[in-house]
Amino acid sequence: MTDHVAGKVVVVTGAGGGFGRLVCIAAAERGARVMGGDIDEPALAALEAEVAAAGGSIATLKTDVTRLEQQQALVASAIERFGAIDVMVNNAGVMPLAFFADHERAMEAWNRCIDINFRGVLNGMVAAHDPMVEQGRGQVINVSSIYGNFPVVGAGVYGATKAAVDFLSESLRMESRGRIKVTTVKPTGVPATGLAGGVVNPEAVVGILGPNAATDFTRFEAMAAGQLPAEETNPESIRYFALAPQYIADAILHAIDQPWGVSIGEITVRASGDGYIL
């Protein structure tokens, strides 16, 4: 089968860790030319060294996604280095789950969430838009979340930013059909990404678990202690409980690995045994 990843120029935000890092590594392994952006320069340096050591083609640039001019510089650097921008992966994000009653301690994190998850994605889309239109084709992949599907307690701000990503994505798709294809990727809970480190109130995850909260809180505790049954940690088992980040990266690569005329519009990836209700 034809490999539609090899040779493409793929720009990834939030490339220093989580899904972004895995996408950069996987895309480079498949022969893509990768430009990674992140605010964490040491993480970018480590990524670049790892990919280069494996023979991949990568460049990186310190990038604050909340600043349009820095996203434009990231795209310009990709074009200068590799001659084009084929795919823009707007991946950078934070997840400050909290109840409205937590506002005194959550407000700063919420503002940052709005700036990164909403403004950051918009900036990435704007930065990539004109070069892609001038080239005659391109692909934007926005990492959203099932939290954007429907409002639940404990995720008012985070869910709103992801719903905004869904709106932005579909609007761009309609405006740019035949020139830019758009994919929205919606992970469920993926504990190993480090996003949980930004949660303001751990109890706020109750909204996405609903009636499964009582049992699943116990399972999360067992997972953290390394005490989950083997069948719940094995992706070959139908009872697989917590999705590994690699499966989200695989979904993003799947969206890239299509002919230019085929667009994967939306992907939701979950563990078959997870308890998330959205």
Protein backbone atom coordinates (compact mmCIF):
# COMPACT_ATOMS: atom_id res chain seq x y z
CA MET A 1 0.00 0.00 0.00
CA THR A 2 1.11 3.57 -0.65
CA ASP A 3 2.59 5.39 2.35
CA HIS A 4 1.09 8.88 2.48
CA VAL A 5 3.19 9.95 5.48
CA ALA A 6 6.63 9.66 3.92
CA GLY A 7 7.91 12.92 2.50
CA LYS A 8 5.27 15.16 4.04
CA VAL A 9 6.25 18.17 6.13
CA VAL A 10 4.48 17.86 9.48
CA VAL A 11 4.44 20.70 12.02
CA VAL A 12 3.50 19.73 15.59
CA THR A 13 2.83 21.98 18.58
CA GLY A 14 3.33 20.66 22.08
CA ALA A 15 6.07 18.51 20.60
CA GLY A 16 8.11 18.24 23.78
CA GLY A 17 5.91 15.65 25.47
CA GLY A 18 2.69 13.64 25.43
CA PHE A 19 0.93 13.02 22.13
CA GLY A 20 3.03 15.64 20.33
CA ARG A 21 6.34 13.96 21.06
CA LEU A 22 5.00 10.57 19.98
CA VAL A 23 3.59 12.00 16.76
CA CYS A 24 6.94 13.59 15.92
CA ILE A 25 8.82 10.34 16.50
CA ALA A 26 6.31 8.20 14.59
CA ALA A 27 6.06 10.61 11.66
CA ALA A 28 9.84 10.86 11.37
CA GLU A 29 10.14 7.07 11.49
CA ARG A 30 7.71 6.93 8.57
CA GLY A 31 9.85 9.34 6.54
CA ALA A 32 8.07 12.63 7.22
CA ARG A 33 10.04 15.82 7.74
CA VAL A 34 9.05 17.15 11.13
CA MET A 35 9.06 20.61 12.68
CA GLY A 36 8.32 20.54 16.41
CA GLY A 37 7.33 23.49 18.55
CA ASP A 38 7.10 23.72 22.33
CA ILE A 39 7.85 26.18 25.14
CA ASP A 40 10.14 23.58 26.75
CA GLU A 41 13.50 23.97 24.99
CA PRO A 42 15.26 21.09 26.83
CA ALA A 43 12.41 18.74 25.85
CA LEU A 44 12.73 19.88 22.23
CA ALA A 45 16.48 19.31 22.29
CA ALA A 46 15.98 15.79 23.64
CA LEU A 47 13.35 15.07 20.98
CA GLU A 48 15.52 16.37 18.19
CA ALA A 49 18.49 14.30 19.38
CA GLU A 50 16.39 11.13 19.60
CA VAL A 51 14.86 11.50 16.16
CA ALA A 52 18.16 12.48 14.53
CA ALA A 53 19.94 9.53 16.15
CA ALA A 54 17.35 7.23 14.57
CA GLY A 55 17.98 8.79 11.16
CA GLY A 56 14.84 10.92 11.06
CA SER A 57 14.47 14.42 9.67
CA ILE A 58 13.47 16.97 12.31
CA ALA A 59 13.93 20.58 13.35
CA THR A 60 12.54 22.31 16.42
CA LEU A 61 11.78 25.84 17.55
CA LYS A 62 10.79 27.21 20.94
CA THR A 63 7.16 28.25 20.47
CA ASP A 64 4.55 29.78 22.74
CA VAL A 65 1.31 28.80 21.00
CA THR A 66 -0.55 31.71 22.60
CA ARG A 67 1.52 34.11 20.47
CA LEU A 68 0.47 34.25 16.83
CA GLU A 69 3.82 35.60 15.69
CA GLN A 70 5.61 32.63 17.26
CA GLN A 71 3.30 30.16 15.53
CA GLN A 72 3.87 32.01 12.27
CA ALA A 73 7.61 31.74 12.89
CA LEU A 74 7.24 27.99 13.48
CA VAL A 75 5.45 27.55 10.16
CA ALA A 76 7.91 29.83 8.36
CA SER A 77 10.81 27.80 9.78
CA ALA A 78 9.27 24.59 8.46
CA ILE A 79 8.88 26.12 5.00
CA GLU A 80 12.41 27.52 5.04
CA ARG A 81 13.91 24.22 6.20
CA PHE A 82 11.77 21.75 4.26
CA GLY A 83 10.14 23.78 1.48
CA ALA A 84 6.48 23.41 2.47
CA ILE A 85 3.96 22.74 5.22
CA ASP A 86 1.72 19.80 4.47
CA VAL A 87 0.24 19.08 7.91
CA MET A 88 -0.31 21.30 10.96
CA VAL A 89 -0.98 19.34 14.16
CA ASN A 90 -2.38 21.66 16.82
CA ASN A 91 -1.71 19.46 19.81
CA ALA A 92 -0.57 21.70 22.68
CA GLY A 93 -3.09 21.74 25.53
CA VAL A 94 -3.70 21.77 29.28
CA MET A 95 -6.50 20.26 31.40
CA PRO A 96 -7.27 22.24 34.58
CA LEU A 97 -10.38 20.37 35.69
CA ALA A 98 -12.15 22.13 38.57
CA PHE A 99 -15.62 22.97 39.81
CA PHE A 100 -16.87 26.55 39.63
CA ALA A 101 -16.69 26.55 43.42
CA ASP A 102 -12.91 26.17 43.00
CA HIS A 103 -12.64 29.48 41.13
CA GLU A 104 -10.31 31.20 43.59
CA ARG A 105 -7.58 28.62 43.05
CA ALA A 106 -8.54 27.71 39.50
CA MET A 107 -8.92 31.09 37.77
CA GLU A 108 -5.28 31.50 36.74
CA ALA A 109 -5.18 27.96 35.34
CA TRP A 110 -8.48 28.50 33.54
CA ASN A 111 -7.20 31.65 31.85
CA ARG A 112 -4.09 29.79 30.74
CA CYS A 113 -6.30 26.97 29.47
CA ILE A 114 -8.31 29.40 27.34
CA ASP A 115 -5.12 30.91 25.96
CA ILE A 116 -3.49 27.57 25.09
CA ASN A 117 -6.42 25.32 24.17
CA PHE A 118 -8.48 27.89 22.26
CA ARG A 119 -6.24 30.79 21.25
CA GLY A 120 -3.31 28.43 20.65
CA VAL A 121 -5.29 26.27 18.23
CA LEU A 122 -6.70 29.32 16.45
CA ASN A 123 -3.19 30.76 16.11
CA GLY A 124 -1.91 27.52 14.63
CA MET A 125 -4.74 27.39 12.13
CA VAL A 126 -4.18 31.01 11.11
CA ALA A 127 -0.41 30.52 10.83
CA ALA A 128 -0.85 27.53 8.51
CA HIS A 129 -3.78 28.84 6.48
CA ASP A 130 -2.17 31.17 3.94
CA PRO A 131 0.86 28.97 3.15
CA MET A 132 -1.42 25.97 2.62
CA VAL A 133 -3.79 27.93 0.38
CA GLU A 134 -0.85 29.27 -1.61
CA GLN A 135 0.50 25.73 -2.03
CA GLY A 136 -2.91 24.56 -3.14
CA ARG A 137 -3.35 21.95 -0.42
CA GLY A 138 -2.77 21.17 3.24
CA GLN A 139 -4.14 19.41 6.29
CA VAL A 140 -4.94 20.73 9.76
CA ILE A 141 -5.28 18.24 12.62
CA ASN A 142 -6.69 19.63 15.86
CA VAL A 143 -6.51 17.64 19.09
CA SER A 144 -9.81 18.11 20.91
CA SER A 145 -11.40 15.86 23.57
CA ILE A 146 -14.60 14.00 24.31
CA TYR A 147 -15.05 16.72 26.96
CA GLY A 148 -16.03 18.98 24.07
CA ASN A 149 -19.01 16.76 23.18
CA PHE A 150 -21.33 17.82 26.01
CA PRO A 151 -21.10 19.93 29.18
CA VAL A 152 -20.49 18.08 32.44
CA VAL A 153 -19.68 19.17 35.97
CA GLY A 154 -16.04 19.72 36.78
CA ALA A 155 -14.98 20.68 33.27
CA GLY A 156 -16.82 23.87 32.41
CA VAL A 157 -13.78 25.79 31.16
CA TYR A 158 -11.78 22.87 29.78
CA GLY A 159 -14.81 21.42 28.00
CA ALA A 160 -15.69 24.82 26.57
CA THR A 161 -12.23 25.19 25.05
CA LYS A 162 -12.50 21.78 23.43
CA ALA A 163 -15.99 22.51 22.13
CA ALA A 164 -14.49 25.67 20.63
CA VAL A 165 -11.82 23.55 18.93
CA ASP A 166 -14.60 21.44 17.39
CA PHE A 167 -16.35 24.58 16.11
CA LEU A 168 -13.12 26.05 14.72
CA SER A 169 -12.28 22.78 12.99
CA GLU A 170 -15.63 22.37 11.26
CA SER A 171 -15.73 26.02 10.25
CA LEU A 172 -12.31 25.75 8.61
CA ARG A 173 -13.34 22.55 6.86
CA MET A 174 -16.37 24.22 5.31
CA GLU A 175 -14.51 27.39 4.32
CA SER A 176 -11.51 25.65 2.81
CA ARG A 177 -12.93 22.52 1.17
CA GLY A 178 -10.87 21.48 -1.79
CA ARG A 179 -7.82 23.26 -0.40
CA ILE A 180 -7.33 22.30 3.27
CA LYS A 181 -8.66 19.14 4.84
CA VAL A 182 -9.38 19.15 8.55
CA THR A 183 -9.29 16.37 11.14
CA THR A 184 -10.46 16.57 14.75
CA VAL A 185 -9.01 13.97 17.12
CA LYS A 186 -10.91 13.38 20.37
CA PRO A 187 -9.09 11.33 22.98
CA THR A 188 -10.85 10.02 26.05
CA GLY A 189 -8.89 9.79 29.28
CA VAL A 190 -5.21 9.02 28.66
CA PRO A 191 -3.53 9.07 32.09
CA ALA A 192 0.08 8.72 30.93
CA THR A 193 0.24 11.98 28.95
CA GLY A 194 0.94 14.17 31.99
CA LEU A 195 -2.22 16.24 31.41
CA ALA A 196 -3.52 15.08 34.78
CA GLY A 197 -0.76 17.14 36.38
CA GLY A 198 -2.71 20.27 35.50
CA VAL A 199 -5.94 19.14 37.18
CA VAL A 200 -6.89 21.63 39.89
CA ASN A 201 -9.38 19.41 41.74
CA PRO A 202 -9.05 15.64 41.18
CA GLU A 203 -12.66 15.13 42.23
CA ALA A 204 -13.75 17.11 39.14
CA VAL A 205 -13.20 14.06 36.93
CA VAL A 206 -16.54 12.81 38.29
CA GLY A 207 -18.39 14.60 35.49
CA ILE A 208 -16.93 12.49 32.72
CA LEU A 209 -17.41 9.26 34.67
CA GLY A 210 -21.01 9.80 35.79
CA PRO A 211 -22.45 6.60 37.28
CA ASN A 212 -19.10 4.84 36.80
CA ALA A 213 -17.27 7.19 39.17
CA ALA A 214 -17.58 5.02 42.28
CA THR A 215 -15.99 1.98 40.67
CA ASP A 216 -13.53 3.79 38.43
CA PHE A 217 -11.98 5.95 41.15
CA THR A 218 -10.99 2.67 42.80
CA ARG A 219 -9.56 1.40 39.53
CA PHE A 220 -7.52 4.59 39.03
CA GLU A 221 -6.05 4.15 42.50
CA ALA A 222 -5.20 0.54 41.71
CA MET A 223 -3.61 1.61 38.41
CA ALA A 224 -1.45 4.21 40.17
CA ALA A 225 -0.32 1.53 42.61
CA GLY A 226 0.41 -0.96 39.82
CA GLN A 227 -2.31 -3.28 41.09
CA LEU A 228 -4.75 -3.45 38.20
CA PRO A 229 -5.50 -6.97 36.92
CA ALA A 230 -3.38 -7.88 33.92
CA GLU A 231 -6.42 -8.04 31.64
CA GLU A 232 -7.15 -4.36 32.37
CA THR A 233 -3.64 -3.24 31.41
CA ASN A 234 -3.32 -5.36 28.27
CA PRO A 235 -4.54 -3.69 25.05
CA GLU A 236 -5.19 -7.15 23.62
CA SER A 237 -7.88 -7.63 26.27
CA ILE A 238 -11.44 -6.41 25.80
CA ARG A 239 -11.28 -5.16 29.41
CA TYR A 240 -8.38 -2.78 28.67
CA PHE A 241 -8.99 0.12 31.03
CA ALA A 242 -6.70 3.08 30.39
CA LEU A 243 -5.56 4.05 26.90
CA ALA A 244 -1.83 4.43 26.28
CA PRO A 245 -0.84 7.71 24.54
CA GLN A 246 0.62 5.83 21.59
CA TYR A 247 -2.87 4.98 20.35
CA ILE A 248 -3.73 8.66 19.99
CA ALA A 249 -0.49 9.23 18.09
CA ASP A 250 -1.41 6.27 15.87
CA ALA A 251 -4.79 7.86 15.14
CA ILE A 252 -3.13 11.13 14.14
CA LEU A 253 -0.75 9.24 11.84
CA HIS A 254 -3.73 7.38 10.37
CA ALA A 255 -5.36 10.71 9.51
CA ILE A 256 -2.15 11.86 7.82
CA ASP A 257 -1.72 8.55 5.99
CA GLN A 258 -4.50 9.16 3.46
CA PRO A 259 -4.52 10.31 -0.18
CA TRP A 260 -4.94 14.06 -0.50
CA GLY A 261 -8.51 13.54 -1.65
CA VAL A 262 -9.51 11.53 1.43
CA SER A 263 -10.13 13.32 4.72
CA ILE A 264 -10.67 11.63 8.08
CA GLY A 265 -13.04 14.18 9.60
CA GLU A 266 -13.20 13.07 13.21
CA ILE A 267 -11.67 10.32 15.34
CA THR A 268 -12.56 9.29 18.89
CA VAL A 269 -10.16 6.80 20.44
CA ARG A 270 -10.91 5.05 23.73
CA ALA A 271 -9.98 1.96 25.69
CA SER A 272 -12.72 -0.65 25.28
CA GLY A 273 -13.06 -0.99 29.05
CA ASP A 274 -12.97 2.68 30.04
CA GLY A 275 -15.81 4.26 31.96
CA TYR A 276 -16.04 7.65 30.30
CA ILE A 277 -19.63 8.50 29.40
CA LEU A 278 -19.13 11.17 26.70
